[in-house]
Amino acid sequence: YHRILKEHGITDGLICDLACGSGNMTDRLRRMGYDMIGVE
């Protein structure tokens, strides 16, 4: 996902993780430098 985001010029900023569950992907993207919103 990080590679795809970078291919579209998205290396930081706000991302919304829908149906985020227990936050497994949400937290990983946070640690990659994104500002995260988790919707669950």
Full PDB file with SEQRES, HELIX, SHEET, SSBOND, CRYST1, ORIGX, SCALE, CONECT and MASTER records, all heavy atoms in Angstrom:
SEQRES   1 A   40  TYR HIS ARG ILE LEU LYS GLU HIS GLY ILE THR ASP GLY          
SEQRES   2 A   40  LEU ILE CYS ASP LEU ALA CYS GLY SER GLY ASN MET THR          
SEQRES   3 A   40  ASP ARG LEU ARG ARG MET GLY TYR ASP MET ILE GLY VAL          
SEQRES   4 A   40  GLU                                                          
HELIX    1 AA1 HIS A    2  GLU A    7  1                                   6    
HELIX    2 AA2 ASN A   24  ARG A   31  1                                   8    
SHEET    1 AA1 2 LEU A  14  LEU A  18  0                                        
SHEET    2 AA1 2 ASP A  35  VAL A  39  1                                        
CRYST1    1.000    1.000    1.000  90.00  90.00  90.00 P 1           1          
ORIGX1      1.000000  0.000000  0.000000        0.00000                         
ORIGX2      0.000000  1.000000  0.000000        0.00000                         
ORIGX3      0.000000  0.000000  1.000000        0.00000                         
SCALE1      1.000000  0.000000  0.000000        0.00000                         
SCALE2      0.000000  1.000000  0.000000        0.00000                         
SCALE3      0.000000  0.000000  1.000000        0.00000                         
ATOM      1  N   TYR A   1       0.832  -1.199   0.000  1.00  0.00           N  
ATOM      2  CA  TYR A   1       0.000   0.000   0.000  1.00  0.00           C  
ATOM      3  C   TYR A   1       0.868   1.251   0.000  1.00  0.00           C  
ATOM      4  O   TYR A   1       0.577   2.242  -0.696  1.00  0.00           O  
ATOM      5  CB  TYR A   1      -0.932  -0.001   1.214  1.00  0.00           C  
ATOM      6  CG  TYR A   1      -2.187  -0.831   1.037  1.00  0.00           C  
ATOM      7  CD1 TYR A   1      -2.144  -2.069   0.398  1.00  0.00           C  
ATOM      8  CD2 TYR A   1      -3.411  -0.395   1.509  1.00  0.00           C  
ATOM      9  CE1 TYR A   1      -3.285  -2.840   0.250  1.00  0.00           C  
ATOM     10  CE2 TYR A   1      -4.568  -1.156   1.363  1.00  0.00           C  
ATOM     11  CZ  TYR A   1      -4.498  -2.373   0.738  1.00  0.00           C  
ATOM     12  OH  TYR A   1      -5.623  -3.126   0.580  1.00  0.00           O  
ATOM     13  N   HIS A   2       1.950   1.217   0.785  1.00  0.00           N  
ATOM     14  CA  HIS A   2       2.877   2.353   0.841  1.00  0.00           C  
ATOM     15  C   HIS A   2       3.510   2.598  -0.533  1.00  0.00           C  
ATOM     16  O   HIS A   2       3.643   3.748  -0.974  1.00  0.00           O  
ATOM     17  CB  HIS A   2       3.952   2.060   1.886  1.00  0.00           C  
ATOM     18  CG  HIS A   2       4.886   3.196   2.154  1.00  0.00           C  
ATOM     19  ND1 HIS A   2       4.478   4.508   2.218  1.00  0.00           N  
ATOM     20  CD2 HIS A   2       6.237   3.211   2.366  1.00  0.00           C  
ATOM     21  CE1 HIS A   2       5.520   5.281   2.482  1.00  0.00           C  
ATOM     22  NE2 HIS A   2       6.595   4.527   2.554  1.00  0.00           N  
ATOM     23  N   ARG A   3       3.866   1.524  -1.216  1.00  0.00           N  
ATOM     24  CA  ARG A   3       4.445   1.657  -2.556  1.00  0.00           C  
ATOM     25  C   ARG A   3       3.444   2.270  -3.521  1.00  0.00           C  
ATOM     26  O   ARG A   3       3.782   3.174  -4.302  1.00  0.00           O  
ATOM     27  CB  ARG A   3       4.890   0.282  -3.071  1.00  0.00           C  
ATOM     28  CG  ARG A   3       5.351   0.286  -4.526  1.00  0.00           C  
ATOM     29  CD  ARG A   3       5.792  -1.077  -4.979  1.00  0.00           C  
ATOM     30  NE  ARG A   3       4.775  -2.099  -4.770  1.00  0.00           N  
ATOM     31  CZ  ARG A   3       3.721  -2.279  -5.567  1.00  0.00           C  
ATOM     32  NH1 ARG A   3       3.535  -1.463  -6.605  1.00  0.00           N  
ATOM     33  NH2 ARG A   3       2.857  -3.236  -5.333  1.00  0.00           N  
ATOM     34  N   ILE A   4       2.192   1.814  -3.458  1.00  0.00           N  
ATOM     35  CA  ILE A   4       1.157   2.350  -4.349  1.00  0.00           C  
ATOM     36  C   ILE A   4       0.916   3.829  -4.041  1.00  0.00           C  
ATOM     37  O   ILE A   4       0.784   4.662  -4.945  1.00  0.00           O  
ATOM     38  CB  ILE A   4      -0.147   1.551  -4.200  1.00  0.00           C  
ATOM     39  CG1 ILE A   4       0.053   0.121  -4.719  1.00  0.00           C  
ATOM     40  CG2 ILE A   4      -1.295   2.223  -4.972  1.00  0.00           C  
ATOM     41  CD1 ILE A   4      -1.104  -0.812  -4.416  1.00  0.00           C  
ATOM     42  N   LEU A   5       0.878   4.162  -2.761  1.00  0.00           N  
ATOM     43  CA  LEU A   5       0.681   5.567  -2.374  1.00  0.00           C  
ATOM     44  C   LEU A   5       1.816   6.439  -2.905  1.00  0.00           C  
ATOM     45  O   LEU A   5       1.579   7.517  -3.458  1.00  0.00           O  
ATOM     46  CB  LEU A   5       0.597   5.668  -0.853  1.00  0.00           C  
ATOM     47  CG  LEU A   5      -0.686   5.112  -0.212  1.00  0.00           C  
ATOM     48  CD1 LEU A   5      -0.496   4.913   1.279  1.00  0.00           C  
ATOM     49  CD2 LEU A   5      -1.876   6.028  -0.482  1.00  0.00           C  
ATOM     50  N   LYS A   6       3.042   5.966  -2.758  1.00  0.00           N  
ATOM     51  CA  LYS A   6       4.192   6.739  -3.242  1.00  0.00           C  
ATOM     52  C   LYS A   6       4.158   6.892  -4.761  1.00  0.00           C  
ATOM     53  O   LYS A   6       4.550   7.940  -5.287  1.00  0.00           O  
ATOM     54  CB  LYS A   6       5.499   6.073  -2.798  1.00  0.00           C  
ATOM     55  CG  LYS A   6       5.783   6.202  -1.316  1.00  0.00           C  
ATOM     56  CD  LYS A   6       7.223   5.865  -0.988  1.00  0.00           C  
ATOM     57  CE  LYS A   6       7.563   4.429  -1.323  1.00  0.00           C  
ATOM     58  NZ  LYS A   6       8.975   4.109  -0.939  1.00  0.00           N  
ATOM     59  N   GLU A   7       3.687   5.858  -5.466  1.00  0.00           N  
ATOM     60  CA  GLU A   7       3.584   5.941  -6.922  1.00  0.00           C  
ATOM     61  C   GLU A   7       2.625   7.037  -7.356  1.00  0.00           C  
ATOM     62  O   GLU A   7       2.724   7.561  -8.474  1.00  0.00           O  
ATOM     63  CB  GLU A   7       3.125   4.593  -7.484  1.00  0.00           C  
ATOM     64  CG  GLU A   7       4.198   3.506  -7.427  1.00  0.00           C  
ATOM     65  CD  GLU A   7       3.666   2.138  -7.822  1.00  0.00           C  
ATOM     66  OE1 GLU A   7       2.427   2.012  -8.038  1.00  0.00           O  
ATOM     67  OE2 GLU A   7       4.467   1.188  -7.914  1.00  0.00           O  
ATOM     68  N   HIS A   8       1.686   7.388  -6.459  1.00  0.00           N  
ATOM     69  CA  HIS A   8       0.726   8.460  -6.744  1.00  0.00           C  
ATOM     70  C   HIS A   8       1.121   9.769  -6.051  1.00  0.00           C  
ATOM     71  O   HIS A   8       0.300  10.681  -5.911  1.00  0.00           O  
ATOM     72  CB  HIS A   8      -0.678   8.030  -6.323  1.00  0.00           C  
ATOM     73  CG  HIS A   8      -1.261   6.965  -7.194  1.00  0.00           C  
ATOM     74  ND1 HIS A   8      -0.951   5.626  -7.048  1.00  0.00           N  
ATOM     75  CD2 HIS A   8      -2.116   7.035  -8.263  1.00  0.00           C  
ATOM     76  CE1 HIS A   8      -1.607   4.916  -7.954  1.00  0.00           C  
ATOM     77  NE2 HIS A   8      -2.310   5.747  -8.699  1.00  0.00           N  
ATOM     78  N   GLY A   9       2.369   9.839  -5.616  1.00  0.00           N  
ATOM     79  CA  GLY A   9       2.872  11.061  -5.012  1.00  0.00           C  
ATOM     80  C   GLY A   9       2.412  11.305  -3.597  1.00  0.00           C  
ATOM     81  O   GLY A   9       2.507  12.426  -3.082  1.00  0.00           O  
ATOM     82  N   ILE A  10       1.897  10.270  -2.945  1.00  0.00           N  
ATOM     83  CA  ILE A  10       1.379  10.415  -1.580  1.00  0.00           C  
ATOM     84  C   ILE A  10       2.385   9.807  -0.615  1.00  0.00           C  
ATOM     85  O   ILE A  10       2.445   8.581  -0.448  1.00  0.00           O  
ATOM     86  CB  ILE A  10      -0.001   9.741  -1.440  1.00  0.00           C  
ATOM     87  CG1 ILE A  10      -0.987  10.318  -2.468  1.00  0.00           C  
ATOM     88  CG2 ILE A  10      -0.545   9.915  -0.027  1.00  0.00           C  
ATOM     89  CD1 ILE A  10      -2.308   9.576  -2.538  1.00  0.00           C  
ATOM     90  N   THR A  11       3.195  10.646  -0.015  1.00  0.00           N  
ATOM     91  CA  THR A  11       4.212  10.181   0.931  1.00  0.00           C  
ATOM     92  C   THR A  11       3.928  10.616   2.356  1.00  0.00           C  
ATOM     93  O   THR A  11       4.624  10.211   3.289  1.00  0.00           O  
ATOM     94  CB  THR A  11       5.606  10.694   0.513  1.00  0.00           C  
ATOM     95  OG1 THR A  11       5.566  12.125   0.446  1.00  0.00           O  
ATOM     96  CG2 THR A  11       6.005  10.129  -0.847  1.00  0.00           C  
ATOM     97  N   ASP A  12       2.914  11.456   2.525  1.00  0.00           N  
ATOM     98  CA  ASP A  12       2.499  11.902   3.850  1.00  0.00           C  
ATOM     99  C   ASP A  12       1.059  12.390   3.746  1.00  0.00           C  
ATOM    100  O   ASP A  12       0.390  12.179   2.732  1.00  0.00           O  
ATOM    101  CB  ASP A  12       3.425  12.996   4.390  1.00  0.00           C  
ATOM    102  CG  ASP A  12       3.501  14.209   3.467  1.00  0.00           C  
ATOM    103  OD1 ASP A  12       2.673  14.322   2.531  1.00  0.00           O  
ATOM    104  OD2 ASP A  12       4.392  15.049   3.666  1.00  0.00           O  
ATOM    105  N   GLY A  13       0.564  13.035   4.791  1.00  0.00           N  
ATOM    106  CA  GLY A  13      -0.793  13.561   4.756  1.00  0.00           C  
ATOM    107  C   GLY A  13      -1.808  12.612   5.356  1.00  0.00           C  
ATOM    108  O   GLY A  13      -1.476  11.582   5.941  1.00  0.00           O  
ATOM    109  N   LEU A  14      -3.064  12.970   5.192  1.00  0.00           N  
ATOM    110  CA  LEU A  14      -4.169  12.291   5.865  1.00  0.00           C  
ATOM    111  C   LEU A  14      -4.722  11.135   5.032  1.00  0.00           C  
ATOM    112  O   LEU A  14      -5.027  11.288   3.854  1.00  0.00           O  
ATOM    113  CB  LEU A  14      -5.278  13.312   6.145  1.00  0.00           C  
ATOM    114  CG  LEU A  14      -6.345  12.975   7.176  1.00  0.00           C  
ATOM    115  CD1 LEU A  14      -5.731  12.637   8.525  1.00  0.00           C  
ATOM    116  CD2 LEU A  14      -7.315  14.145   7.310  1.00  0.00           C  
ATOM    117  N   ILE A  15      -4.866   9.976   5.684  1.00  0.00           N  
ATOM    118  CA  ILE A  15      -5.428   8.784   5.055  1.00  0.00           C  
ATOM    119  C   ILE A  15      -6.513   8.219   5.955  1.00  0.00           C  
ATOM    120  O   ILE A  15      -6.359   8.171   7.179  1.00  0.00           O  
ATOM    121  CB  ILE A  15      -4.343   7.721   4.803  1.00  0.00           C  
ATOM    122  CG1 ILE A  15      -3.352   8.211   3.746  1.00  0.00           C  
ATOM    123  CG2 ILE A  15      -4.965   6.395   4.344  1.00  0.00           C  
ATOM    124  CD1 ILE A  15      -2.221   7.250   3.478  1.00  0.00           C  
ATOM    125  N   CYS A  16      -7.611   7.776   5.351  1.00  0.00           N  
ATOM    126  CA  CYS A  16      -8.714   7.169   6.100  1.00  0.00           C  
ATOM    127  C   CYS A  16      -8.740   5.666   5.839  1.00  0.00           C  
ATOM    128  O   CYS A  16      -8.856   5.233   4.691  1.00  0.00           O  
ATOM    129  CB  CYS A  16     -10.043   7.788   5.694  1.00  0.00           C  
ATOM    130  SG  CYS A  16     -11.472   7.076   6.540  1.00  0.00           S  
ATOM    131  N   ASP A  17      -8.627   4.893   6.896  1.00  0.00           N  
ATOM    132  CA  ASP A  17      -8.682   3.432   6.819  1.00  0.00           C  
ATOM    133  C   ASP A  17     -10.080   2.983   7.225  1.00  0.00           C  
ATOM    134  O   ASP A  17     -10.434   3.021   8.400  1.00  0.00           O  
ATOM    135  CB  ASP A  17      -7.620   2.830   7.739  1.00  0.00           C  
ATOM    136  CG  ASP A  17      -7.493   1.325   7.593  1.00  0.00           C  
ATOM    137  OD1 ASP A  17      -7.888   0.796   6.530  1.00  0.00           O  
ATOM    138  OD2 ASP A  17      -6.998   0.683   8.532  1.00  0.00           O  
ATOM    139  N   LEU A  18     -10.881   2.575   6.244  1.00  0.00           N  
ATOM    140  CA  LEU A  18     -12.261   2.159   6.496  1.00  0.00           C  
ATOM    141  C   LEU A  18     -12.310   0.731   7.028  1.00  0.00           C  
ATOM    142  O   LEU A  18     -11.487  -0.103   6.666  1.00  0.00           O  
ATOM    143  CB  LEU A  18     -13.073   2.254   5.207  1.00  0.00           C  
ATOM    144  CG  LEU A  18     -13.269   3.661   4.626  1.00  0.00           C  
ATOM    145  CD1 LEU A  18     -13.908   3.578   3.249  1.00  0.00           C  
ATOM    146  CD2 LEU A  18     -14.107   4.517   5.565  1.00  0.00           C  
ATOM    147  N   ALA A  19     -13.325   0.464   7.863  1.00  0.00           N  
ATOM    148  CA  ALA A  19     -13.481  -0.861   8.477  1.00  0.00           C  
ATOM    149  C   ALA A  19     -12.141  -1.303   9.050  1.00  0.00           C  
ATOM    150  O   ALA A  19     -11.662  -2.405   8.779  1.00  0.00           O  
ATOM    151  CB  ALA A  19     -14.022  -1.865   7.467  1.00  0.00           C  
ATOM    152  N   CYS A  20     -11.552  -0.459   9.872  1.00  0.00           N  
ATOM    153  CA  CYS A  20     -10.168  -0.638  10.305  1.00  0.00           C  
ATOM    154  C   CYS A  20      -9.984  -1.741  11.329  1.00  0.00           C  
ATOM    155  O   CYS A  20      -8.856  -2.117  11.649  1.00  0.00           O  
ATOM    156  CB  CYS A  20      -9.612   0.672  10.857  1.00  0.00           C  
ATOM    157  SG  CYS A  20     -10.413   1.237  12.387  1.00  0.00           S  
ATOM    158  N   GLY A  21     -11.080  -2.265  11.878  1.00  0.00           N  
ATOM    159  CA  GLY A  21     -10.969  -3.358  12.837  1.00  0.00           C  
ATOM    160  C   GLY A  21     -10.159  -2.973  14.056  1.00  0.00           C  
ATOM    161  O   GLY A  21     -10.373  -1.930  14.673  1.00  0.00           O  
ATOM    162  N   SER A  22      -9.180  -3.801  14.400  1.00  0.00           N  
ATOM    163  CA  SER A  22      -8.349  -3.535  15.574  1.00  0.00           C  
ATOM    164  C   SER A  22      -7.152  -2.659  15.250  1.00  0.00           C  
ATOM    165  O   SER A  22      -6.224  -2.554  16.051  1.00  0.00           O  
ATOM    166  CB  SER A  22      -7.882  -4.865  16.196  1.00  0.00           C  
ATOM    167  OG  SER A  22      -7.088  -5.585  15.259  1.00  0.00           O  
ATOM    168  N   GLY A  23      -7.156  -2.040  14.060  1.00  0.00           N  
ATOM    169  CA  GLY A  23      -6.154  -1.041  13.723  1.00  0.00           C  
ATOM    170  C   GLY A  23      -4.831  -1.584  13.221  1.00  0.00           C  
ATOM    171  O   GLY A  23      -3.827  -0.861  13.225  1.00  0.00           O  
ATOM    172  N   ASN A  24      -4.806  -2.824  12.747  1.00  0.00           N  
ATOM    173  CA  ASN A  24      -3.538  -3.411  12.312  1.00  0.00           C  
ATOM    174  C   ASN A  24      -2.920  -2.664  11.133  1.00  0.00           C  
ATOM    175  O   ASN A  24      -1.729  -2.351  11.140  1.00  0.00           O  
ATOM    176  CB  ASN A  24      -3.728  -4.891  11.964  1.00  0.00           C  
ATOM    177  CG  ASN A  24      -3.902  -5.749  13.192  1.00  0.00           C  
ATOM    178  OD1 ASN A  24      -3.149  -5.629  14.155  1.00  0.00           O  
ATOM    179  ND2 ASN A  24      -4.908  -6.606  13.197  1.00  0.00           N  
ATOM    180  N   MET A  25      -3.707  -2.388  10.094  1.00  0.00           N  
ATOM    181  CA  MET A  25      -3.173  -1.649   8.962  1.00  0.00           C  
ATOM    182  C   MET A  25      -3.066  -0.160   9.291  1.00  0.00           C  
ATOM    183  O   MET A  25      -2.108   0.511   8.875  1.00  0.00           O  
ATOM    184  CB  MET A  25      -4.064  -1.848   7.730  1.00  0.00           C  
ATOM    185  CG  MET A  25      -3.547  -1.157   6.474  1.00  0.00           C  
ATOM    186  SD  MET A  25      -1.979  -1.826   5.871  1.00  0.00           S  
ATOM    187  CE  MET A  25      -2.556  -3.326   5.082  1.00  0.00           C  
ATOM    188  N   THR A  26      -4.034   0.356  10.026  1.00  0.00           N  
ATOM    189  CA  THR A  26      -4.030   1.768  10.408  1.00  0.00           C  
ATOM    190  C   THR A  26      -2.730   2.139  11.103  1.00  0.00           C  
ATOM    191  O   THR A  26      -2.093   3.145  10.779  1.00  0.00           O  
ATOM    192  CB  THR A  26      -5.214   2.070  11.353  1.00  0.00           C  
ATOM    193  OG1 THR A  26      -6.348   1.279  11.005  1.00  0.00           O  
ATOM    194  CG2 THR A  26      -5.591   3.536  11.307  1.00  0.00           C  
ATOM    195  N   ASP A  27      -2.327   1.324  12.064  1.00  0.00           N  
ATOM    196  CA  ASP A  27      -1.118   1.622  12.828  1.00  0.00           C  
ATOM    197  C   ASP A  27       0.134   1.479  11.969  1.00  0.00           C  
ATOM    198  O   ASP A  27       1.078   2.266  12.105  1.00  0.00           O  
ATOM    199  CB  ASP A  27      -1.024   0.707  14.040  1.00  0.00           C  
ATOM    200  CG  ASP A  27       0.181   1.037  14.907  1.00  0.00           C  
ATOM    201  OD1 ASP A  27       0.235   2.161  15.438  1.00  0.00           O  
ATOM    202  OD2 ASP A  27       1.079   0.182  15.028  1.00  0.00           O  
ATOM    203  N   ARG A  28       0.154   0.488  11.096  1.00  0.00           N  
ATOM    204  CA  ARG A  28       1.336   0.318  10.235  1.00  0.00           C  
ATOM    205  C   ARG A  28       1.517   1.520   9.313  1.00  0.00           C  
ATOM    206  O   ARG A  28       2.641   1.982   9.099  1.00  0.00           O  
ATOM    207  CB  ARG A  28       1.218  -0.983   9.441  1.00  0.00           C  
ATOM    208  CG  ARG A  28       1.550  -2.225  10.273  1.00  0.00           C  
ATOM    209  CD  ARG A  28       1.109  -3.510   9.584  1.00  0.00           C  
ATOM    210  NE  ARG A  28       1.611  -4.684  10.270  1.00  0.00           N  
ATOM    211  CZ  ARG A  28       1.055  -5.210  11.366  1.00  0.00           C  
ATOM    212  NH1 ARG A  28      -0.013  -4.620  11.902  1.00  0.00           N  
ATOM    213  NH2 ARG A  28       1.558  -6.294  11.930  1.00  0.00           N  
ATOM    214  N   LEU A  29       0.436   2.030   8.752  1.00  0.00           N  
ATOM    215  CA  LEU A  29       0.534   3.205   7.892  1.00  0.00           C  
ATOM    216  C   LEU A  29       0.919   4.446   8.703  1.00  0.00           C  
ATOM    217  O   LEU A  29       1.653   5.314   8.214  1.00  0.00           O  
ATOM    218  CB  LEU A  29      -0.781   3.423   7.147  1.00  0.00           C  
ATOM    219  CG  LEU A  29      -1.106   2.363   6.079  1.00  0.00           C  
ATOM    220  CD1 LEU A  29      -2.494   2.596   5.490  1.00  0.00           C  
ATOM    221  CD2 LEU A  29      -0.066   2.349   4.960  1.00  0.00           C  
ATOM    222  N   ARG A  30       0.451   4.521   9.937  1.00  0.00           N  
ATOM    223  CA  ARG A  30       0.869   5.620  10.819  1.00  0.00           C  
ATOM    224  C   ARG A  30       2.382   5.606  10.998  1.00  0.00           C  
ATOM    225  O   ARG A  30       3.049   6.654  10.898  1.00  0.00           O  
ATOM    226  CB  ARG A  30       0.197   5.493  12.189  1.00  0.00           C  
ATOM    227  CG  ARG A  30       0.692   6.525  13.212  1.00  0.00           C  
ATOM    228  CD  ARG A  30       0.240   6.195  14.629  1.00  0.00           C  
ATOM    229  NE  ARG A  30       0.857   4.984  15.156  1.00  0.00           N  
ATOM    230  CZ  ARG A  30       2.076   4.936  15.708  1.00  0.00           C  
ATOM    231  NH1 ARG A  30       2.814   6.041  15.774  1.00  0.00           N  
ATOM    232  NH2 ARG A  30       2.550   3.807  16.190  1.00  0.00           N  
ATOM    233  N   ARG A  31       2.920   4.418  11.231  1.00  0.00           N  
ATOM    234  CA  ARG A  31       4.357   4.307  11.446  1.00  0.00           C  
ATOM    235  C   ARG A  31       5.153   4.584  10.176  1.00  0.00           C  
ATOM    236  O   ARG A  31       6.363   4.822  10.237  1.00  0.00           O  
ATOM    237  CB  ARG A  31       4.698   2.923  12.009  1.00  0.00           C  
ATOM    238  CG  ARG A  31       4.315   2.780  13.476  1.00  0.00           C  
ATOM    239  CD  ARG A  31       4.751   1.458  14.057  1.00  0.00           C  
ATOM    240  NE  ARG A  31       3.706   0.440  13.958  1.00  0.00           N  
ATOM    241  CZ  ARG A  31       3.907  -0.799  13.560  1.00  0.00           C  
ATOM    242  NH1 ARG A  31       5.100  -1.190  13.154  1.00  0.00           N  
ATOM    243  NH2 ARG A  31       2.921  -1.659  13.525  1.00  0.00           N  
ATOM    244  N   MET A  32       4.484   4.543   9.029  1.00  0.00           N  
ATOM    245  CA  MET A  32       5.141   4.876   7.764  1.00  0.00           C  
ATOM    246  C   MET A  32       5.078   6.371   7.462  1.00  0.00           C  
ATOM    247  O   MET A  32       5.524   6.814   6.412  1.00  0.00           O  
ATOM    248  CB  MET A  32       4.502   4.069   6.628  1.00  0.00           C  
ATOM    249  CG  MET A  32       4.844   2.593   6.678  1.00  0.00           C  
ATOM    250  SD  MET A  32       3.984   1.645   5.387  1.00  0.00           S  
ATOM    251  CE  MET A  32       4.785   0.035   5.564  1.00  0.00           C  
ATOM    252  N   GLY A  33       4.487   7.145   8.383  1.00  0.00           N  
ATOM    253  CA  GLY A  33       4.526   8.589   8.255  1.00  0.00           C  
ATOM    254  C   GLY A  33       3.232   9.260   7.861  1.00  0.00           C  
ATOM    255  O   GLY A  33       3.208  10.479   7.649  1.00  0.00           O  
ATOM    256  N   TYR A  34       2.128   8.511   7.811  1.00  0.00           N  
ATOM    257  CA  TYR A  34       0.846   9.091   7.429  1.00  0.00           C  
ATOM    258  C   TYR A  34       0.038   9.485   8.664  1.00  0.00           C  
ATOM    259  O   TYR A  34       0.161   8.858   9.724  1.00  0.00           O  
ATOM    260  CB  TYR A  34       0.045   8.096   6.573  1.00  0.00           C  
ATOM    261  CG  TYR A  34       0.735   7.741   5.283  1.00  0.00           C  
ATOM    262  CD1 TYR A  34       1.410   6.532   5.149  1.00  0.00           C  
ATOM    263  CD2 TYR A  34       0.729   8.616   4.196  1.00  0.00           C  
ATOM    264  CE1 TYR A  34       2.061   6.195   3.969  1.00  0.00           C  
ATOM    265  CE2 TYR A  34       1.377   8.288   3.007  1.00  0.00           C  
ATOM    266  CZ  TYR A  34       2.043   7.080   2.911  1.00  0.00           C  
ATOM    267  OH  TYR A  34       2.697   6.760   1.737  1.00  0.00           O  
ATOM    268  N   ASP A  35      -0.783  10.505   8.523  1.00  0.00           N  
ATOM    269  CA  ASP A  35      -1.738  10.885   9.562  1.00  0.00           C  
ATOM    270  C   ASP A  35      -3.002  10.058   9.321  1.00  0.00           C  
ATOM    271  O   ASP A  35      -3.615  10.157   8.259  1.00  0.00           O  
ATOM    272  CB  ASP A  35      -2.064  12.377   9.479  1.00  0.00           C  
ATOM    273  CG  ASP A  35      -0.840  13.244   9.714  1.00  0.00           C  
ATOM    274  OD1 ASP A  35      -0.053  12.916  10.620  1.00  0.00           O  
ATOM    275  OD2 ASP A  35      -0.678  14.238   8.988  1.00  0.00           O  
ATOM    276  N   MET A  36      -3.393   9.270  10.303  1.00  0.00           N  
ATOM    277  CA  MET A  36      -4.420   8.263  10.064  1.00  0.00           C  
ATOM    278  C   MET A  36      -5.747   8.551  10.772  1.00  0.00           C  
ATOM    279  O   MET A  36      -5.792   9.018  11.909  1.00  0.00           O  
ATOM    280  CB  MET A  36      -3.918   6.882  10.517  1.00  0.00           C  
ATOM    281  CG  MET A  36      -2.700   6.385   9.765  1.00  0.00           C  
ATOM    282  SD  MET A  36      -2.959   6.247   7.969  1.00  0.00           S  
ATOM    283  CE  MET A  36      -4.343   5.091   7.904  1.00  0.00           C  
ATOM    284  N   ILE A  37      -6.827   8.242  10.040  1.00  0.00           N  
ATOM    285  CA  ILE A  37      -8.173   8.158  10.590  1.00  0.00           C  
ATOM    286  C   ILE A  37      -8.623   6.711  10.430  1.00  0.00           C  
ATOM    287  O   ILE A  37      -8.489   6.134   9.345  1.00  0.00           O  
ATOM    288  CB  ILE A  37      -9.161   9.071   9.849  1.00  0.00           C  
ATOM    289  CG1 ILE A  37      -8.745  10.542   9.956  1.00  0.00           C  
ATOM    290  CG2 ILE A  37     -10.586   8.891  10.393  1.00  0.00           C  
ATOM    291  CD1 ILE A  37      -9.567  11.469   9.080  1.00  0.00           C  
ATOM    292  N   GLY A  38      -9.143   6.114  11.486  1.00  0.00           N  
ATOM    293  CA  GLY A  38      -9.675   4.752  11.405  1.00  0.00           C  
ATOM    294  C   GLY A  38     -11.175   4.773  11.632  1.00  0.00           C  
ATOM    295  O   GLY A  38     -11.645   5.305  12.644  1.00  0.00           O  
ATOM    296  N   VAL A  39     -11.918   4.206  10.676  1.00  0.00           N  
ATOM    297  CA  VAL A  39     -13.376   4.134  10.773  1.00  0.00           C  
ATOM    298  C   VAL A  39     -13.778   2.678  10.985  1.00  0.00           C  
ATOM    299  O   VAL A  39     -13.385   1.795  10.208  1.00  0.00           O  
ATOM    300  CB  VAL A  39     -14.044   4.683   9.494  1.00  0.00           C  
ATOM    301  CG1 VAL A  39     -15.542   4.392   9.492  1.00  0.00           C  
ATOM    302  CG2 VAL A  39     -13.795   6.184   9.374  1.00  0.00           C  
ATOM    303  N   GLU A  40     -14.546   2.417  12.039  1.00  0.00           N  
ATOM    304  CA  GLU A  40     -14.923   1.038  12.370  1.00  0.00           C  
ATOM    305  C   GLU A  40     -16.273   1.050  13.082  1.00  0.00           C  
ATOM    306  O   GLU A  40     -16.519   1.894  13.952  1.00  0.00           O  
ATOM    307  CB  GLU A  40     -13.857   0.398  13.260  1.00  0.00           C  
ATOM    308  CG  GLU A  40     -14.219  -0.928  13.880  1.00  0.00           C  
ATOM    309  CD  GLU A  40     -14.539  -2.011  12.855  1.00  0.00           C  
ATOM    310  OE1 GLU A  40     -13.826  -2.092  11.834  1.00  0.00           O  
ATOM    311  OE2 GLU A  40     -15.500  -2.772  13.078  1.00  0.00           O  
TER     312      GLU A  40                                                      
MASTER        0    0    0    2    2    0    0    6  311    1    0    4          
END                                                                             
